[in-house]
Amino acid sequence: MRVRLAAAAALSALLCASCVSPQGAPTTPPDPQAVIRGAYLAAAGDCQGCHTDLKGNGPALAGGRALATQFGAFYAPNITFDKTAGIGTWSEEDFHRAMRSGQGAHGEFLYPVFPYTAFSGMTDQDISDLYAFLRAQPTQSQPSKADAVKFPFNMRPLLGFWRVLFFREGPLQPVQGQTAEWNRGRYLAEAVAHCGECHTPRNALGGLDNSRAYAGDPHGPGGKTPNITPGGKLAKWSVDDIAELLDSGMTPDGDYTGGEMATVVNGTGKLSTADKHAIAIYVKSLAPHPSAPAPAPAAAKPS
């Protein structure tokens, strides 16, 4: 059954490859209040950190940042509304399809290095607000770089099989019996900030190993990501400690986070006190898992 579904999904991708949205981007200015709400979501999701070549001093949201993976190198695309280099021809429907279903404007499957597996959990309203925010940003004409994906992973229809195994379309539903604060924290952590995409180990096919959710990933983006369940170092952290990290990057021992997390904190620090506390409540409630073992050092080559 799974094989038939995957084959159908792959065929669907091929058929949709020629289906361009007839609507295009709207010509009227976005609602200013939607832009404000979208800016908040963009900060929580660290859109700028991923879609800006910070090391190369690239323009905001113009793409170019490299992400090395076992499947090849991926480059974050230009997501400004430049009509040639960015997503300036995308309708709101196109944007929703990318965020909710992981499909591009032509119906092609997107690589899950773009974490639509998490963004799919966002509400329709939040996706629309994020679209409004991006429309309001300065356009950049910097062309997106082509990904350097290894064979056979460069064959996009194969993603149909991957999606059957590892993708469940949202939106994320509240958990009955949990508080509104816990559900808010879960929504922000799971869908908007997509914390699990970095902090959960992956299997050989690149799918999240949710049996060890948030236990850290030895091969995470930018290097090893830590275990943030109560089974790791965060076991001794309080809810306020976690909220403080999200606010300022400071750990309970007075140190400051670095690497990729420092960029994330640039966004989470802009969240309300209530939302940072809600995320901390959710993180503190995670099932404890032991930390993933460090990757074995490469064997020395004989001289």
C-alpha atoms as a PDB file:
ATOM      1  CA  MET A   1       0.000   0.000   0.000  1.00  0.00           C
ATOM      2  CA  ARG A   2       2.760   2.433   0.942  1.00  0.00           C
ATOM      3  CA  VAL A   3       4.580   1.721  -2.316  1.00  0.00           C
ATOM      4  CA  ARG A   4       1.421   2.465  -4.332  1.00  0.00           C
ATOM      5  CA  LEU A   5       0.833   5.701  -2.434  1.00  0.00           C
ATOM      6  CA  ALA A   6       4.426   6.792  -2.933  1.00  0.00           C
ATOM      7  CA  ALA A   7       4.277   6.014  -6.638  1.00  0.00           C
ATOM      8  CA  ALA A   8       1.075   8.036  -6.915  1.00  0.00           C
ATOM      9  CA  ALA A   9       2.671  10.925  -5.074  1.00  0.00           C
ATOM     10  CA  ALA A  10       5.698  10.853  -7.366  1.00  0.00           C
ATOM     11  CA  LEU A  11       3.444  10.790 -10.445  1.00  0.00           C
ATOM     12  CA  SER A  12       1.481  13.697  -9.018  1.00  0.00           C
ATOM     13  CA  ALA A  13       4.692  15.709  -8.697  1.00  0.00           C
ATOM     14  CA  LEU A  14       5.532  15.100 -12.357  1.00  0.00           C
ATOM     15  CA  LEU A  15       2.062  16.064 -13.512  1.00  0.00           C
ATOM     16  CA  CYS A  16       2.022  19.201 -11.350  1.00  0.00           C
ATOM     17  CA  ALA A  17       5.412  20.369 -12.566  1.00  0.00           C
ATOM     18  CA  SER A  18       3.687  22.261 -15.379  1.00  0.00           C
ATOM     19  CA  CYS A  19       0.881  23.690 -13.209  1.00  0.00           C
ATOM     20  CA  VAL A  20       1.766  27.357 -12.685  1.00  0.00           C
ATOM     21  CA  SER A  21      -0.530  29.349 -10.418  1.00  0.00           C
ATOM     22  CA  PRO A  22      -2.586  31.701 -12.607  1.00  0.00           C
ATOM     23  CA  GLN A  23      -2.991  34.303  -9.851  1.00  0.00           C
ATOM     24  CA  GLY A  24       0.514  35.603  -9.185  1.00  0.00           C
ATOM     25  CA  ALA A  25       1.441  37.931  -6.352  1.00  0.00           C
ATOM     26  CA  PRO A  26      -1.189  40.491  -5.336  1.00  0.00           C
ATOM     27  CA  THR A  27      -0.654  44.070  -6.502  1.00  0.00           C
ATOM     28  CA  THR A  28      -2.251  45.830  -3.525  1.00  0.00           C
ATOM     29  CA  PRO A  29      -0.060  46.639  -0.485  1.00  0.00           C
ATOM     30  CA  PRO A  30      -0.208  44.144   2.383  1.00  0.00           C
ATOM     31  CA  ASP A  31      -2.229  44.914   5.496  1.00  0.00           C
ATOM     32  CA  PRO A  32       0.117  46.740   7.930  1.00  0.00           C
ATOM     33  CA  GLN A  33      -1.186  44.787  10.914  1.00  0.00           C
ATOM     34  CA  ALA A  34      -0.586  41.502   9.092  1.00  0.00           C
ATOM     35  CA  VAL A  35       2.973  42.663   8.359  1.00  0.00           C
ATOM     36  CA  ILE A  36       3.549  43.333  12.073  1.00  0.00           C
ATOM     37  CA  ARG A  37       2.212  39.910  13.018  1.00  0.00           C
ATOM     38  CA  GLY A  38       4.292  38.316  10.263  1.00  0.00           C
ATOM     39  CA  ALA A  39       7.457  40.046  11.481  1.00  0.00           C
ATOM     40  CA  TYR A  40       6.926  38.429  14.867  1.00  0.00           C
ATOM     41  CA  LEU A  41       6.574  34.990  13.285  1.00  0.00           C
ATOM     42  CA  ALA A  42       9.612  35.563  11.056  1.00  0.00           C
ATOM     43  CA  ALA A  43      11.667  36.350  14.153  1.00  0.00           C
ATOM     44  CA  ALA A  44      10.418  33.238  15.947  1.00  0.00           C
ATOM     45  CA  GLY A  45      11.210  31.097  12.906  1.00  0.00           C
ATOM     46  CA  ASP A  46      14.625  32.714  12.301  1.00  0.00           C
ATOM     47  CA  CYS A  47      13.812  33.275   8.625  1.00  0.00           C
ATOM     48  CA  GLN A  48      16.605  35.787   8.248  1.00  0.00           C
ATOM     49  CA  GLY A  49      19.186  33.505   9.855  1.00  0.00           C
ATOM     50  CA  CYS A  50      18.554  30.774   7.283  1.00  0.00           C
ATOM     51  CA  HIS A  51      17.829  32.858   4.198  1.00  0.00           C
ATOM     52  CA  THR A  52      20.640  35.377   4.570  1.00  0.00           C
ATOM     53  CA  ASP A  53      24.317  34.756   3.869  1.00  0.00           C
ATOM     54  CA  LEU A  54      25.406  36.318   7.155  1.00  0.00           C
ATOM     55  CA  LYS A  55      29.042  35.207   6.828  1.00  0.00           C
ATOM     56  CA  GLY A  56      29.259  36.783   3.393  1.00  0.00           C
ATOM     57  CA  ASN A  57      27.407  39.934   4.489  1.00  0.00           C
ATOM     58  CA  GLY A  58      24.679  39.137   1.980  1.00  0.00           C
ATOM     59  CA  PRO A  59      21.444  41.121   1.701  1.00  0.00           C
ATOM     60  CA  ALA A  60      18.640  40.162   4.079  1.00  0.00           C
ATOM     61  CA  LEU A  61      16.494  37.240   2.925  1.00  0.00           C
ATOM     62  CA  ALA A  62      18.295  37.056  -0.441  1.00  0.00           C
ATOM     63  CA  GLY A  63      19.521  33.512   0.154  1.00  0.00           C
ATOM     64  CA  GLY A  64      22.953  32.094  -0.560  1.00  0.00           C
ATOM     65  CA  ARG A  65      23.647  30.464   2.773  1.00  0.00           C
ATOM     66  CA  ALA A  66      25.108  26.967   2.323  1.00  0.00           C
ATOM     67  CA  LEU A  67      23.969  23.949   4.330  1.00  0.00           C
ATOM     68  CA  ALA A  68      26.145  20.873   3.959  1.00  0.00           C
ATOM     69  CA  THR A  69      24.370  17.526   4.458  1.00  0.00           C
ATOM     70  CA  GLN A  70      25.078  13.873   3.785  1.00  0.00           C
ATOM     71  CA  PHE A  71      22.924  14.236   0.658  1.00  0.00           C
ATOM     72  CA  GLY A  72      24.877  17.161  -0.780  1.00  0.00           C
ATOM     73  CA  ALA A  73      25.006  20.927  -0.388  1.00  0.00           C
ATOM     74  CA  PHE A  74      21.836  22.988  -0.279  1.00  0.00           C
ATOM     75  CA  TYR A  75      21.672  26.768  -0.645  1.00  0.00           C
ATOM     76  CA  ALA A  76      18.919  28.797   0.955  1.00  0.00           C
ATOM     77  CA  PRO A  77      16.940  30.556  -1.795  1.00  0.00           C
ATOM     78  CA  ASN A  78      16.097  34.207  -2.200  1.00  0.00           C
ATOM     79  CA  ILE A  79      12.684  34.704  -0.546  1.00  0.00           C
ATOM     80  CA  THR A  80      12.302  38.416  -1.215  1.00  0.00           C
ATOM     81  CA  PHE A  81       9.597  39.446  -3.638  1.00  0.00           C
ATOM     82  CA  ASP A  82      11.946  40.126  -6.521  1.00  0.00           C
ATOM     83  CA  LYS A  83      10.068  38.815  -9.565  1.00  0.00           C
ATOM     84  CA  THR A  84      13.126  37.261 -11.189  1.00  0.00           C
ATOM     85  CA  ALA A  85      15.461  36.156  -8.401  1.00  0.00           C
ATOM     86  CA  GLY A  86      12.964  35.683  -5.565  1.00  0.00           C
ATOM     87  CA  ILE A  87       9.340  34.712  -5.044  1.00  0.00           C
ATOM     88  CA  GLY A  88       7.806  37.874  -6.463  1.00  0.00           C
ATOM     89  CA  THR A  89       5.505  35.918  -8.768  1.00  0.00           C
ATOM     90  CA  TRP A  90       4.159  33.705  -5.966  1.00  0.00           C
ATOM     91  CA  SER A  91       0.535  34.088  -5.014  1.00  0.00           C
ATOM     92  CA  GLU A  92      -0.570  33.669  -1.421  1.00  0.00           C
ATOM     93  CA  GLU A  93      -1.886  30.275  -2.474  1.00  0.00           C
ATOM     94  CA  ASP A  94       1.582  29.324  -3.739  1.00  0.00           C
ATOM     95  CA  PHE A  95       3.105  30.364  -0.425  1.00  0.00           C
ATOM     96  CA  HIS A  96       0.518  28.394   1.550  1.00  0.00           C
ATOM     97  CA  ARG A  97       1.228  25.310  -0.557  1.00  0.00           C
ATOM     98  CA  ALA A  98       4.956  25.588   0.133  1.00  0.00           C
ATOM     99  CA  MET A  99       4.479  26.001   3.879  1.00  0.00           C
ATOM    100  CA  ARG A 100       1.633  23.543   4.364  1.00  0.00           C
ATOM    101  CA  SER A 101       2.388  20.887   1.753  1.00  0.00           C
ATOM    102  CA  GLY A 102       6.062  21.329   0.887  1.00  0.00           C
ATOM    103  CA  GLN A 103       5.436  22.048  -2.800  1.00  0.00           C
ATOM    104  CA  GLY A 104       6.812  24.855  -4.929  1.00  0.00           C
ATOM    105  CA  ALA A 105       4.893  27.244  -7.159  1.00  0.00           C
ATOM    106  CA  HIS A 106       4.968  24.697 -10.003  1.00  0.00           C
ATOM    107  CA  GLY A 107       3.789  21.825  -7.794  1.00  0.00           C
ATOM    108  CA  GLU A 108       7.281  20.339  -7.438  1.00  0.00           C
ATOM    109  CA  PHE A 109       8.225  18.672  -4.161  1.00  0.00           C
ATOM    110  CA  LEU A 110      10.538  20.797  -2.043  1.00  0.00           C
ATOM    111  CA  TYR A 111      13.510  19.261  -0.296  1.00  0.00           C
ATOM    112  CA  PRO A 112      12.863  18.929   3.442  1.00  0.00           C
ATOM    113  CA  VAL A 113      16.016  20.923   4.177  1.00  0.00           C
ATOM    114  CA  PHE A 114      13.324  23.617   3.995  1.00  0.00           C
ATOM    115  CA  PRO A 115      11.506  22.509   7.175  1.00  0.00           C
ATOM    116  CA  TYR A 116       7.987  22.417   5.781  1.00  0.00           C
ATOM    117  CA  THR A 117       7.533  19.278   7.869  1.00  0.00           C
ATOM    118  CA  ALA A 118       7.374  21.683  10.836  1.00  0.00           C
ATOM    119  CA  PHE A 119       5.868  24.746   9.128  1.00  0.00           C
ATOM    120  CA  SER A 120       2.965  22.592   7.987  1.00  0.00           C
ATOM    121  CA  GLY A 121       1.733  22.811  11.581  1.00  0.00           C
ATOM    122  CA  MET A 122       1.206  26.578  11.380  1.00  0.00           C
ATOM    123  CA  THR A 123      -2.280  28.052  11.212  1.00  0.00           C
ATOM    124  CA  ASP A 124      -3.632  29.475   7.959  1.00  0.00           C
ATOM    125  CA  GLN A 125      -3.687  32.945   9.518  1.00  0.00           C
ATOM    126  CA  ASP A 126      -0.049  32.773  10.602  1.00  0.00           C
ATOM    127  CA  ILE A 127       1.047  31.599   7.150  1.00  0.00           C
ATOM    128  CA  SER A 128      -0.871  34.501   5.579  1.00  0.00           C
ATOM    129  CA  ASP A 129       0.730  36.958   8.004  1.00  0.00           C
ATOM    130  CA  LEU A 130       4.191  35.651   7.205  1.00  0.00           C
ATOM    131  CA  TYR A 131       3.446  36.082   3.503  1.00  0.00           C
ATOM    132  CA  ALA A 132       2.407  39.678   4.172  1.00  0.00           C
ATOM    133  CA  PHE A 133       5.658  40.319   6.042  1.00  0.00           C
ATOM    134  CA  LEU A 134       7.799  38.974   3.201  1.00  0.00           C
ATOM    135  CA  ARG A 135       5.904  41.064   0.654  1.00  0.00           C
ATOM    136  CA  ALA A 136       6.741  44.167   2.676  1.00  0.00           C
ATOM    137  CA  GLN A 137      10.499  43.556   2.734  1.00  0.00           C
ATOM    138  CA  PRO A 138      12.960  45.182   0.299  1.00  0.00           C
ATOM    139  CA  THR A 139      13.407  43.138  -2.851  1.00  0.00           C
ATOM    140  CA  GLN A 140      16.844  41.778  -3.684  1.00  0.00           C
ATOM    141  CA  SER A 141      17.996  40.758  -7.160  1.00  0.00           C
ATOM    142  CA  GLN A 142      20.602  38.258  -5.958  1.00  0.00           C
ATOM    143  CA  PRO A 143      19.963  34.982  -7.844  1.00  0.00           C
ATOM    144  CA  SER A 144      19.469  31.828  -5.805  1.00  0.00           C
ATOM    145  CA  LYS A 145      22.291  29.314  -6.057  1.00  0.00           C
ATOM    146  CA  ALA A 146      21.635  25.876  -7.482  1.00  0.00           C
ATOM    147  CA  ASP A 147      21.777  23.032  -4.971  1.00  0.00           C
ATOM    148  CA  ALA A 148      24.517  20.446  -5.377  1.00  0.00           C
ATOM    149  CA  VAL A 149      22.561  17.322  -4.457  1.00  0.00           C
ATOM    150  CA  LYS A 150      24.114  13.904  -4.890  1.00  0.00           C
ATOM    151  CA  PHE A 151      22.638  11.237  -7.179  1.00  0.00           C
ATOM    152  CA  PRO A 152      20.026   9.762  -6.813  1.00  0.00           C
ATOM    153  CA  PHE A 153      18.710  12.297  -4.283  1.00  0.00           C
ATOM    154  CA  ASN A 154      18.705  14.983  -6.995  1.00  0.00           C
ATOM    155  CA  MET A 155      15.729  13.215  -8.589  1.00  0.00           C
ATOM    156  CA  ARG A 156      12.848  15.122  -7.030  1.00  0.00           C
ATOM    157  CA  PRO A 157      10.087  12.566  -7.733  1.00  0.00           C
ATOM    158  CA  LEU A 158      11.838  10.251  -5.268  1.00  0.00           C
ATOM    159  CA  LEU A 159      10.743  12.677  -2.571  1.00  0.00           C
ATOM    160  CA  GLY A 160       7.281  11.186  -2.978  1.00  0.00           C
ATOM    161  CA  PHE A 161       8.515   8.044  -1.223  1.00  0.00           C
ATOM    162  CA  TRP A 162      10.208  10.103   1.495  1.00  0.00           C
ATOM    163  CA  ARG A 163       7.032  12.061   2.129  1.00  0.00           C
ATOM    164  CA  VAL A 164       4.946   8.922   2.574  1.00  0.00           C
ATOM    165  CA  LEU A 165       7.357   7.773   5.267  1.00  0.00           C
ATOM    166  CA  PHE A 166       8.139  11.008   7.089  1.00  0.00           C
ATOM    167  CA  PHE A 167       5.643  13.778   6.324  1.00  0.00           C
ATOM    168  CA  ARG A 168       2.254  14.374   7.921  1.00  0.00           C
ATOM    169  CA  GLU A 169       0.487  17.497   6.743  1.00  0.00           C
ATOM    170  CA  GLY A 170      -0.789  19.955   9.365  1.00  0.00           C
ATOM    171  CA  PRO A 171      -2.030  22.150  10.868  1.00  0.00           C
ATOM    172  CA  LEU A 172      -0.945  21.183  14.376  1.00  0.00           C
ATOM    173  CA  GLN A 173      -3.897  20.438  16.631  1.00  0.00           C
ATOM    174  CA  PRO A 174      -4.001  21.377  20.335  1.00  0.00           C
ATOM    175  CA  VAL A 175      -3.533  18.532  22.808  1.00  0.00           C
ATOM    176  CA  GLN A 176      -6.625  18.046  24.919  1.00  0.00           C
ATOM    177  CA  GLY A 177      -6.008  18.094  28.655  1.00  0.00           C
ATOM    178  CA  GLN A 178      -2.992  20.395  28.395  1.00  0.00           C
ATOM    179  CA  THR A 179      -3.049  24.054  29.382  1.00  0.00           C
ATOM    180  CA  ALA A 180      -3.355  26.866  26.857  1.00  0.00           C
ATOM    181  CA  GLU A 181       0.181  27.948  27.790  1.00  0.00           C
ATOM    182  CA  TRP A 182       1.621  24.475  27.145  1.00  0.00           C
ATOM    183  CA  ASN A 183      -0.189  24.250  23.794  1.00  0.00           C
ATOM    184  CA  ARG A 184       1.071  27.710  22.835  1.00  0.00           C
ATOM    185  CA  GLY A 185       4.615  26.655  23.692  1.00  0.00           C
ATOM    186  CA  ARG A 186       4.241  23.443  21.711  1.00  0.00           C
ATOM    187  CA  TYR A 187       2.920  25.345  18.695  1.00  0.00           C
ATOM    188  CA  LEU A 188       5.792  27.817  18.744  1.00  0.00           C
ATOM    189  CA  ALA A 189       8.462  25.152  19.332  1.00  0.00           C
ATOM    190  CA  GLU A 190       7.125  22.483  16.974  1.00  0.00           C
ATOM    191  CA  ALA A 191       5.709  24.527  14.103  1.00  0.00           C
ATOM    192  CA  VAL A 192       6.995  28.110  14.017  1.00  0.00           C
ATOM    193  CA  ALA A 193      10.487  27.873  15.559  1.00  0.00           C
ATOM    194  CA  HIS A 194      10.850  24.256  14.290  1.00  0.00           C
ATOM    195  CA  CYS A 195      13.164  23.375  17.208  1.00  0.00           C
ATOM    196  CA  GLY A 196      12.910  19.642  16.578  1.00  0.00           C
ATOM    197  CA  GLU A 197      14.314  19.998  13.060  1.00  0.00           C
ATOM    198  CA  CYS A 198      17.722  20.792  14.548  1.00  0.00           C
ATOM    199  CA  HIS A 199      17.587  19.089  17.941  1.00  0.00           C
ATOM    200  CA  THR A 200      16.192  15.684  16.881  1.00  0.00           C
ATOM    201  CA  PRO A 201      18.514  13.025  15.428  1.00  0.00           C
ATOM    202  CA  ARG A 202      17.832  11.780  11.922  1.00  0.00           C
ATOM    203  CA  ASN A 203      17.880   8.354  10.341  1.00  0.00           C
ATOM    204  CA  ALA A 204      19.809   7.268   7.257  1.00  0.00           C
ATOM    205  CA  LEU A 205      17.113   8.669   4.960  1.00  0.00           C
ATOM    206  CA  GLY A 206      17.135  12.065   6.621  1.00  0.00           C
ATOM    207  CA  GLY A 207      13.843  11.593   8.460  1.00  0.00           C
ATOM    208  CA  LEU A 208      13.490  12.699  12.060  1.00  0.00           C
ATOM    209  CA  ASP A 209      13.894   9.909  14.624  1.00  0.00           C
ATOM    210  CA  ASN A 210      10.928  10.991  16.709  1.00  0.00           C
ATOM    211  CA  SER A 211      11.451   8.087  19.110  1.00  0.00           C
ATOM    212  CA  ARG A 212      14.322  10.260  20.383  1.00  0.00           C
ATOM    213  CA  ALA A 213      12.770  13.669  19.842  1.00  0.00           C
ATOM    214  CA  TYR A 214      14.938  16.581  20.960  1.00  0.00           C
ATOM    215  CA  ALA A 215      17.751  14.267  22.130  1.00  0.00           C
ATOM    216  CA  GLY A 216      20.296  16.195  20.040  1.00  0.00           C
ATOM    217  CA  ASP A 217      21.797  15.495  16.653  1.00  0.00           C
ATOM    218  CA  PRO A 218      25.517  14.718  16.214  1.00  0.00           C
ATOM    219  CA  HIS A 219      25.180  15.835  12.586  1.00  0.00           C
ATOM    220  CA  GLY A 220      22.978  18.876  13.032  1.00  0.00           C
ATOM    221  CA  PRO A 221      23.221  22.061  10.966  1.00  0.00           C
ATOM    222  CA  GLY A 222      26.504  23.739  11.729  1.00  0.00           C
ATOM    223  CA  GLY A 223      27.662  20.800  13.854  1.00  0.00           C
ATOM    224  CA  LYS A 224      26.385  18.862  16.833  1.00  0.00           C
ATOM    225  CA  THR A 225      23.169  20.128  18.410  1.00  0.00           C
ATOM    226  CA  PRO A 226      22.564  19.448  22.106  1.00  0.00           C
ATOM    227  CA  ASN A 227      20.015  17.311  23.873  1.00  0.00           C
ATOM    228  CA  ILE A 228      17.339  19.677  25.194  1.00  0.00           C
ATOM    229  CA  THR A 229      15.183  17.043  26.901  1.00  0.00           C
ATOM    230  CA  PRO A 230      15.272  16.552  30.691  1.00  0.00           C
ATOM    231  CA  GLY A 231      17.540  13.568  29.971  1.00  0.00           C
ATOM    232  CA  GLY A 232      20.426  15.888  29.083  1.00  0.00           C
ATOM    233  CA  LYS A 233      22.097  18.920  30.624  1.00  0.00           C
ATOM    234  CA  LEU A 234      18.819  20.796  30.724  1.00  0.00           C
ATOM    235  CA  ALA A 235      17.595  18.413  33.450  1.00  0.00           C
ATOM    236  CA  LYS A 236      18.931  20.869  36.038  1.00  0.00           C
ATOM    237  CA  TRP A 237      17.613  23.945  34.286  1.00  0.00           C
ATOM    238  CA  SER A 238      14.440  25.634  35.485  1.00  0.00           C
ATOM    239  CA  VAL A 239      11.697  26.985  33.250  1.00  0.00           C
ATOM    240  CA  ASP A 240      13.050  30.468  33.926  1.00  0.00           C
ATOM    241  CA  ASP A 241      16.556  29.333  32.900  1.00  0.00           C
ATOM    242  CA  ILE A 242      15.257  28.152  29.528  1.00  0.00           C
ATOM    243  CA  ALA A 243      13.242  31.328  29.026  1.00  0.00           C
ATOM    244  CA  GLU A 244      16.343  33.393  29.813  1.00  0.00           C
ATOM    245  CA  LEU A 245      18.355  31.501  27.208  1.00  0.00           C
ATOM    246  CA  LEU A 246      15.660  32.256  24.632  1.00  0.00           C
ATOM    247  CA  ASP A 247      15.720  35.911  25.655  1.00  0.00           C
ATOM    248  CA  SER A 248      19.403  36.726  25.967  1.00  0.00           C
ATOM    249  CA  GLY A 249      21.340  33.575  25.103  1.00  0.00           C
ATOM    250  CA  MET A 250      22.680  33.355  28.658  1.00  0.00           C
ATOM    251  CA  THR A 251      22.972  29.953  30.335  1.00  0.00           C
ATOM    252  CA  PRO A 252      22.504  29.386  34.084  1.00  0.00           C
ATOM    253  CA  ASP A 253      26.291  29.368  34.632  1.00  0.00           C
ATOM    254  CA  GLY A 254      26.638  32.831  33.097  1.00  0.00           C
ATOM    255  CA  ASP A 255      27.978  31.676  29.741  1.00  0.00           C
ATOM    256  CA  TYR A 256      26.383  32.613  26.417  1.00  0.00           C
ATOM    257  CA  THR A 257      25.276  30.338  23.643  1.00  0.00           C
ATOM    258  CA  GLY A 258      27.155  30.482  20.354  1.00  0.00           C
ATOM    259  CA  GLY A 259      27.029  29.016  16.867  1.00  0.00           C
ATOM    260  CA  GLU A 260      23.653  28.482  15.255  1.00  0.00           C
ATOM    261  CA  MET A 261      21.783  29.013  18.521  1.00  0.00           C
ATOM    262  CA  ALA A 262      23.148  32.532  18.826  1.00  0.00           C
ATOM    263  CA  THR A 263      21.423  33.367  15.548  1.00  0.00           C
ATOM    264  CA  VAL A 264      18.218  31.719  16.770  1.00  0.00           C
ATOM    265  CA  VAL A 265      18.286  33.822  19.946  1.00  0.00           C
ATOM    266  CA  ASN A 266      18.424  36.962  17.790  1.00  0.00           C
ATOM    267  CA  GLY A 267      14.869  35.989  16.851  1.00  0.00           C
ATOM    268  CA  THR A 268      13.484  34.391  20.007  1.00  0.00           C
ATOM    269  CA  GLY A 269      14.730  37.369  22.002  1.00  0.00           C
ATOM    270  CA  LYS A 270      12.072  39.444  20.206  1.00  0.00           C
ATOM    271  CA  LEU A 271       9.240  37.226  21.462  1.00  0.00           C
ATOM    272  CA  SER A 272       6.973  38.297  24.284  1.00  0.00           C
ATOM    273  CA  THR A 273       7.818  37.236  27.828  1.00  0.00           C
ATOM    274  CA  ALA A 274       4.689  35.079  27.811  1.00  0.00           C
ATOM    275  CA  ASP A 275       5.695  33.260  24.621  1.00  0.00           C
ATOM    276  CA  LYS A 276       9.255  32.611  25.787  1.00  0.00           C
ATOM    277  CA  HIS A 277       7.840  31.229  29.027  1.00  0.00           C
ATOM    278  CA  ALA A 278       5.375  29.056  27.102  1.00  0.00           C
ATOM    279  CA  ILE A 279       8.182  27.539  25.006  1.00  0.00           C
ATOM    280  CA  ALA A 280      10.172  26.902  28.180  1.00  0.00           C
ATOM    281  CA  ILE A 281       7.161  25.176  29.772  1.00  0.00           C
ATOM    282  CA  TYR A 282       6.858  22.907  26.751  1.00  0.00           C
ATOM    283  CA  VAL A 283      10.582  22.113  26.532  1.00  0.00           C
ATOM    284  CA  LYS A 284      10.682  21.291  30.234  1.00  0.00           C
ATOM    285  CA  SER A 285       7.834  18.803  29.705  1.00  0.00           C
ATOM    286  CA  LEU A 286       9.596  16.820  26.957  1.00  0.00           C
ATOM    287  CA  ALA A 287      10.130  13.113  27.434  1.00  0.00           C
ATOM    288  CA  PRO A 288      13.691  12.552  28.721  1.00  0.00           C
ATOM    289  CA  HIS A 289      16.167  10.873  26.381  1.00  0.00           C
ATOM    290  CA  PRO A 290      19.874  10.195  26.828  1.00  0.00           C
ATOM    291  CA  SER A 291      22.133  12.322  24.689  1.00  0.00           C
ATOM    292  CA  ALA A 292      23.195  10.901  21.349  1.00  0.00           C
ATOM    293  CA  PRO A 293      26.784   9.628  21.339  1.00  0.00           C
ATOM    294  CA  ALA A 294      29.361  11.857  19.728  1.00  0.00           C
ATOM    295  CA  PRO A 295      30.346  10.792  16.187  1.00  0.00           C
ATOM    296  CA  ALA A 296      33.371   8.520  16.060  1.00  0.00           C
ATOM    297  CA  PRO A 297      36.578  10.302  14.998  1.00  0.00           C
ATOM    298  CA  ALA A 298      37.710   9.612  11.468  1.00  0.00           C
ATOM    299  CA  ALA A 299      40.292   6.852  11.225  1.00  0.00           C
ATOM    300  CA  ALA A 300      43.794   8.062  10.482  1.00  0.00           C
ATOM    301  CA  LYS A 301      44.987   7.254   6.989  1.00  0.00           C
ATOM    302  CA  PRO A 302      48.128   5.088   6.765  1.00  0.00           C
ATOM    303  CA  SER A 303      51.186   7.096   5.810  1.00  0.00           C
END
